[in-house]
Amino acid sequence: MKNLLEKDITGTIGTQKYLCTISWRNGQFIMDEPEITGGKDLGPDPYSALLASLASCTLATLRMYIDRKGWDIPEINIAVNDWLLCECTSTEKDGTFPKSILQ
């Protein structure tokens, strides 16, 4: 089986509670937990990173589609959040365009 990424995403954690260093093909970033859950809020928490991935994928897909259609839409904005319902979660995405594609 062939890996999807040319290099693994790697992570390390030391003695500071929740502070992780994540390495990817071109660099590093840190992830942490909010202060309310015991972290120092020095970087995105894992759940925020997951939602950021969803936002990025959605935006890239929209940009690809818009470019292929030849539409003049210079900017796309979305907001992503989840809400808790009973013991499970549901993801919600909202998108906006600065000008109508119907013009």
N, C-alpha and C. Protein backbone atom coordinates (compact mmCIF):
# COMPACT_ATOMS: atom_id res chain seq x y z
N MET A 1 0.86 -1.18 0.00
CA MET A 1 0.00 0.00 0.00
C MET A 1 0.90 1.24 0.00
N LYS A 2 0.58 2.21 -0.85
CA LYS A 2 1.37 3.44 -0.97
C LYS A 2 0.76 4.53 -0.10
N ASN A 3 1.63 5.27 0.58
CA ASN A 3 1.16 6.38 1.42
C ASN A 3 0.62 7.52 0.55
N LEU A 4 -0.38 8.20 1.07
CA LEU A 4 -0.95 9.35 0.38
C LEU A 4 0.01 10.54 0.40
N LEU A 5 0.69 10.76 1.53
CA LEU A 5 1.63 11.87 1.68
C LEU A 5 3.05 11.38 1.45
N GLU A 6 3.90 12.23 0.88
CA GLU A 6 5.28 11.82 0.65
C GLU A 6 6.05 11.68 1.96
N LYS A 7 5.70 12.47 2.96
CA LYS A 7 6.32 12.36 4.28
C LYS A 7 5.21 12.25 5.33
N ASP A 8 5.48 11.47 6.37
CA ASP A 8 4.52 11.35 7.46
C ASP A 8 4.33 12.67 8.19
N ILE A 9 3.15 12.90 8.72
CA ILE A 9 2.92 13.96 9.70
C ILE A 9 3.38 13.37 11.02
N THR A 10 4.28 14.06 11.72
CA THR A 10 4.78 13.54 12.99
C THR A 10 4.46 14.52 14.10
N GLY A 11 4.37 14.01 15.30
CA GLY A 11 4.08 14.85 16.46
C GLY A 11 4.92 14.44 17.65
N THR A 12 5.25 15.44 18.48
CA THR A 12 5.97 15.18 19.73
C THR A 12 5.33 16.00 20.83
N ILE A 13 5.44 15.48 22.05
CA ILE A 13 4.98 16.20 23.23
C ILE A 13 6.02 16.01 24.32
N GLY A 14 6.29 17.09 25.03
CA GLY A 14 7.22 17.02 26.15
C GLY A 14 6.46 16.99 27.46
N THR A 15 7.00 17.69 28.44
CA THR A 15 6.39 17.67 29.77
C THR A 15 5.32 18.74 29.96
N GLN A 16 5.28 19.75 29.07
CA GLN A 16 4.24 20.78 29.21
C GLN A 16 2.91 20.20 28.76
N LYS A 17 1.94 20.26 29.65
CA LYS A 17 0.63 19.65 29.43
C LYS A 17 0.00 20.12 28.13
N TYR A 18 -0.32 19.20 27.24
CA TYR A 18 -1.06 19.37 25.99
C TYR A 18 -0.30 20.05 24.85
N LEU A 19 0.86 20.64 25.09
CA LEU A 19 1.58 21.36 24.04
C LEU A 19 2.31 20.35 23.14
N CYS A 20 1.90 20.30 21.89
CA CYS A 20 2.47 19.36 20.91
C CYS A 20 3.13 20.13 19.78
N THR A 21 4.19 19.57 19.25
CA THR A 21 4.81 20.09 18.04
C THR A 21 4.50 19.11 16.91
N ILE A 22 3.91 19.63 15.86
CA ILE A 22 3.53 18.82 14.71
C ILE A 22 4.44 19.20 13.55
N SER A 23 5.02 18.20 12.91
CA SER A 23 5.88 18.43 11.75
C SER A 23 5.20 17.90 10.50
N TRP A 24 5.29 18.68 9.45
CA TRP A 24 4.75 18.29 8.17
C TRP A 24 5.83 18.52 7.12
N ARG A 25 5.59 18.25 5.86
CA ARG A 25 6.64 18.25 4.85
C ARG A 25 7.43 19.55 4.75
N ASN A 26 6.83 20.68 5.08
CA ASN A 26 7.51 21.97 4.91
C ASN A 26 7.78 22.72 6.21
N GLY A 27 7.54 22.14 7.34
CA GLY A 27 7.80 22.88 8.57
C GLY A 27 7.14 22.27 9.78
N GLN A 28 6.94 23.14 10.78
CA GLN A 28 6.34 22.72 12.04
C GLN A 28 5.32 23.74 12.50
N PHE A 29 4.38 23.29 13.32
CA PHE A 29 3.48 24.19 14.03
C PHE A 29 3.16 23.55 15.37
N ILE A 30 2.65 24.36 16.28
CA ILE A 30 2.30 23.82 17.59
C ILE A 30 0.79 23.72 17.73
N MET A 31 0.38 22.78 18.55
CA MET A 31 -1.02 22.61 18.90
C MET A 31 -1.10 22.56 20.41
N ASP A 32 -2.19 23.05 20.94
CA ASP A 32 -2.37 23.12 22.38
C ASP A 32 -3.86 23.03 22.67
N GLU A 33 -4.20 23.04 23.90
CA GLU A 33 -5.59 23.06 24.34
C GLU A 33 -5.89 24.44 24.93
N PRO A 34 -7.14 24.85 24.92
CA PRO A 34 -7.52 26.13 25.55
C PRO A 34 -7.24 26.09 27.06
N GLU A 35 -7.08 27.26 27.64
CA GLU A 35 -6.82 27.36 29.09
C GLU A 35 -7.93 26.71 29.90
N ILE A 36 -9.16 26.81 29.43
CA ILE A 36 -10.30 26.27 30.17
C ILE A 36 -10.20 24.75 30.35
N THR A 37 -9.44 24.07 29.45
CA THR A 37 -9.28 22.62 29.57
C THR A 37 -7.88 22.23 30.05
N GLY A 38 -7.11 23.20 30.52
CA GLY A 38 -5.80 22.89 31.11
C GLY A 38 -4.60 23.21 30.25
N GLY A 39 -4.81 23.67 29.04
CA GLY A 39 -3.69 24.06 28.18
C GLY A 39 -3.34 25.52 28.38
N LYS A 40 -2.49 26.03 27.50
CA LYS A 40 -2.11 27.45 27.54
C LYS A 40 -2.58 28.20 26.30
N ASP A 41 -3.34 27.54 25.42
CA ASP A 41 -3.92 28.15 24.22
C ASP A 41 -2.85 28.77 23.32
N LEU A 42 -1.71 28.08 23.18
CA LEU A 42 -0.60 28.59 22.38
C LEU A 42 -0.72 28.24 20.90
N GLY A 43 -1.67 27.40 20.56
CA GLY A 43 -1.91 26.99 19.18
C GLY A 43 -3.29 26.39 19.09
N PRO A 44 -3.70 26.02 17.89
CA PRO A 44 -5.03 25.43 17.77
C PRO A 44 -5.10 24.09 18.49
N ASP A 45 -6.27 23.79 19.02
CA ASP A 45 -6.49 22.48 19.61
C ASP A 45 -6.78 21.50 18.48
N PRO A 46 -6.66 20.20 18.73
CA PRO A 46 -6.87 19.22 17.66
C PRO A 46 -8.24 19.34 16.97
N TYR A 47 -9.26 19.65 17.72
CA TYR A 47 -10.59 19.76 17.11
C TYR A 47 -10.67 20.96 16.17
N SER A 48 -10.05 22.08 16.57
CA SER A 48 -10.01 23.25 15.68
C SER A 48 -9.21 22.95 14.42
N ALA A 49 -8.13 22.18 14.55
CA ALA A 49 -7.33 21.79 13.39
C ALA A 49 -8.16 20.92 12.44
N LEU A 50 -8.97 20.03 12.99
CA LEU A 50 -9.83 19.20 12.17
C LEU A 50 -10.83 20.06 11.39
N LEU A 51 -11.46 21.02 12.07
CA LEU A 51 -12.41 21.90 11.39
C LEU A 51 -11.71 22.80 10.38
N ALA A 52 -10.46 23.23 10.68
CA ALA A 52 -9.68 24.03 9.74
C ALA A 52 -9.41 23.22 8.47
N SER A 53 -9.15 21.93 8.62
CA SER A 53 -8.95 21.06 7.46
C SER A 53 -10.21 20.99 6.61
N LEU A 54 -11.35 20.90 7.25
CA LEU A 54 -12.62 20.88 6.54
C LEU A 54 -12.84 22.20 5.79
N ALA A 55 -12.54 23.32 6.45
CA ALA A 55 -12.68 24.63 5.81
C ALA A 55 -11.75 24.74 4.60
N SER A 56 -10.50 24.35 4.77
CA SER A 56 -9.53 24.43 3.69
C SER A 56 -9.93 23.58 2.50
N CYS A 57 -10.36 22.37 2.75
CA CYS A 57 -10.78 21.47 1.68
C CYS A 57 -12.00 22.03 0.94
N THR A 58 -12.94 22.57 1.68
CA THR A 58 -14.14 23.16 1.07
C THR A 58 -13.77 24.35 0.20
N LEU A 59 -12.91 25.25 0.72
CA LEU A 59 -12.50 26.42 -0.05
C LEU A 59 -11.73 26.04 -1.31
N ALA A 60 -10.81 25.08 -1.19
CA ALA A 60 -10.03 24.65 -2.36
C ALA A 60 -10.94 24.03 -3.42
N THR A 61 -11.92 23.25 -2.99
CA THR A 61 -12.86 22.63 -3.93
C THR A 61 -13.70 23.70 -4.63
N LEU A 62 -14.19 24.67 -3.86
CA LEU A 62 -14.97 25.76 -4.46
C LEU A 62 -14.13 26.56 -5.44
N ARG A 63 -12.87 26.87 -5.07
CA ARG A 63 -11.98 27.64 -5.96
C ARG A 63 -11.74 26.88 -7.26
N MET A 64 -11.51 25.58 -7.17
CA MET A 64 -11.28 24.77 -8.36
C MET A 64 -12.51 24.80 -9.28
N TYR A 65 -13.69 24.64 -8.69
CA TYR A 65 -14.92 24.65 -9.48
C TYR A 65 -15.15 26.02 -10.12
N ILE A 66 -14.98 27.08 -9.33
CA ILE A 66 -15.19 28.44 -9.84
C ILE A 66 -14.22 28.75 -10.98
N ASP A 67 -12.95 28.38 -10.82
CA ASP A 67 -11.95 28.64 -11.86
C ASP A 67 -12.28 27.87 -13.13
N ARG A 68 -12.71 26.61 -12.99
CA ARG A 68 -13.06 25.82 -14.17
C ARG A 68 -14.26 26.39 -14.91
N LYS A 69 -15.19 26.99 -14.17
CA LYS A 69 -16.36 27.61 -14.79
C LYS A 69 -16.04 28.98 -15.39
N GLY A 70 -14.88 29.54 -15.01
CA GLY A 70 -14.49 30.85 -15.53
C GLY A 70 -15.23 32.01 -14.87
N TRP A 71 -15.77 31.78 -13.69
CA TRP A 71 -16.49 32.84 -12.99
C TRP A 71 -15.50 33.80 -12.34
N ASP A 72 -15.89 35.07 -12.27
CA ASP A 72 -15.06 36.10 -11.65
C ASP A 72 -15.49 36.26 -10.19
N ILE A 73 -14.95 35.42 -9.33
CA ILE A 73 -15.23 35.48 -7.89
C ILE A 73 -13.87 35.51 -7.20
N PRO A 74 -13.41 36.71 -6.80
CA PRO A 74 -12.05 36.84 -6.28
C PRO A 74 -11.85 36.31 -4.85
N GLU A 75 -12.92 36.15 -4.11
CA GLU A 75 -12.76 35.73 -2.71
C GLU A 75 -13.96 34.91 -2.27
N ILE A 76 -13.68 33.89 -1.47
CA ILE A 76 -14.72 33.03 -0.90
C ILE A 76 -14.46 32.99 0.60
N ASN A 77 -15.50 33.07 1.40
CA ASN A 77 -15.37 32.99 2.85
C ASN A 77 -16.31 31.93 3.38
N ILE A 78 -15.82 31.14 4.33
CA ILE A 78 -16.71 30.17 4.98
C ILE A 78 -16.47 30.21 6.49
N ALA A 79 -17.43 29.73 7.21
CA ALA A 79 -17.32 29.55 8.66
C ALA A 79 -17.69 28.11 8.96
N VAL A 80 -16.92 27.45 9.80
CA VAL A 80 -17.16 26.05 10.15
C VAL A 80 -17.26 25.94 11.66
N ASN A 81 -18.24 25.20 12.14
CA ASN A 81 -18.38 24.96 13.57
C ASN A 81 -19.13 23.65 13.77
N ASP A 82 -19.09 23.14 14.93
CA ASP A 82 -19.83 21.94 15.29
C ASP A 82 -20.75 22.28 16.45
N TRP A 83 -21.75 21.46 16.64
CA TRP A 83 -22.62 21.60 17.79
C TRP A 83 -22.87 20.23 18.37
N LEU A 84 -23.07 20.22 19.66
CA LEU A 84 -23.25 18.97 20.39
C LEU A 84 -24.74 18.69 20.54
N LEU A 85 -25.12 17.49 20.15
CA LEU A 85 -26.51 17.06 20.28
C LEU A 85 -26.48 15.69 20.93
N CYS A 86 -26.95 15.64 22.16
CA CYS A 86 -26.89 14.39 22.95
C CYS A 86 -25.44 13.97 23.10
N GLU A 87 -25.10 12.75 22.69
CA GLU A 87 -23.74 12.23 22.83
C GLU A 87 -22.97 12.26 21.52
N CYS A 88 -23.50 12.94 20.49
CA CYS A 88 -22.82 12.97 19.20
C CYS A 88 -22.70 14.41 18.71
N THR A 89 -21.86 14.62 17.71
CA THR A 89 -21.68 15.96 17.17
C THR A 89 -22.19 16.04 15.75
N SER A 90 -22.43 17.25 15.30
CA SER A 90 -22.84 17.49 13.93
C SER A 90 -22.06 18.70 13.41
N THR A 91 -21.50 18.58 12.22
CA THR A 91 -20.69 19.65 11.64
C THR A 91 -21.55 20.52 10.75
N GLU A 92 -21.32 21.82 10.84
CA GLU A 92 -22.08 22.78 10.06
C GLU A 92 -21.11 23.69 9.32
N LYS A 93 -21.37 23.94 8.03
CA LYS A 93 -20.55 24.85 7.23
C LYS A 93 -21.46 25.91 6.63
N ASP A 94 -21.02 27.15 6.68
CA ASP A 94 -21.71 28.25 6.01
C ASP A 94 -20.72 28.91 5.08
N GLY A 95 -21.14 29.25 3.88
CA GLY A 95 -20.25 29.89 2.92
C GLY A 95 -20.83 31.20 2.41
N THR A 96 -19.94 32.13 2.09
CA THR A 96 -20.37 33.39 1.52
C THR A 96 -19.42 33.77 0.38
N PHE A 97 -19.94 34.47 -0.58
CA PHE A 97 -19.17 35.01 -1.68
C PHE A 97 -19.31 36.52 -1.64
N PRO A 98 -18.26 37.28 -1.97
CA PRO A 98 -18.36 38.73 -1.92
C PRO A 98 -19.24 39.32 -3.00
N LYS A 99 -19.45 38.59 -4.10
CA LYS A 99 -20.41 39.07 -5.11
C LYS A 99 -21.17 37.89 -5.67
N SER A 100 -22.33 38.13 -6.15
CA SER A 100 -23.21 37.06 -6.61
C SER A 100 -22.67 36.40 -7.86
N ILE A 101 -22.78 35.08 -7.92
CA ILE A 101 -22.37 34.35 -9.13
C ILE A 101 -23.47 34.43 -10.19
N LEU A 102 -24.60 35.00 -9.81
CA LEU A 102 -25.71 35.10 -10.76
C LEU A 102 -25.61 36.34 -11.65
N GLN A 103 -24.64 37.18 -11.38
CA GLN A 103 -24.50 38.41 -12.18
C GLN A 103 -24.01 38.10 -13.57
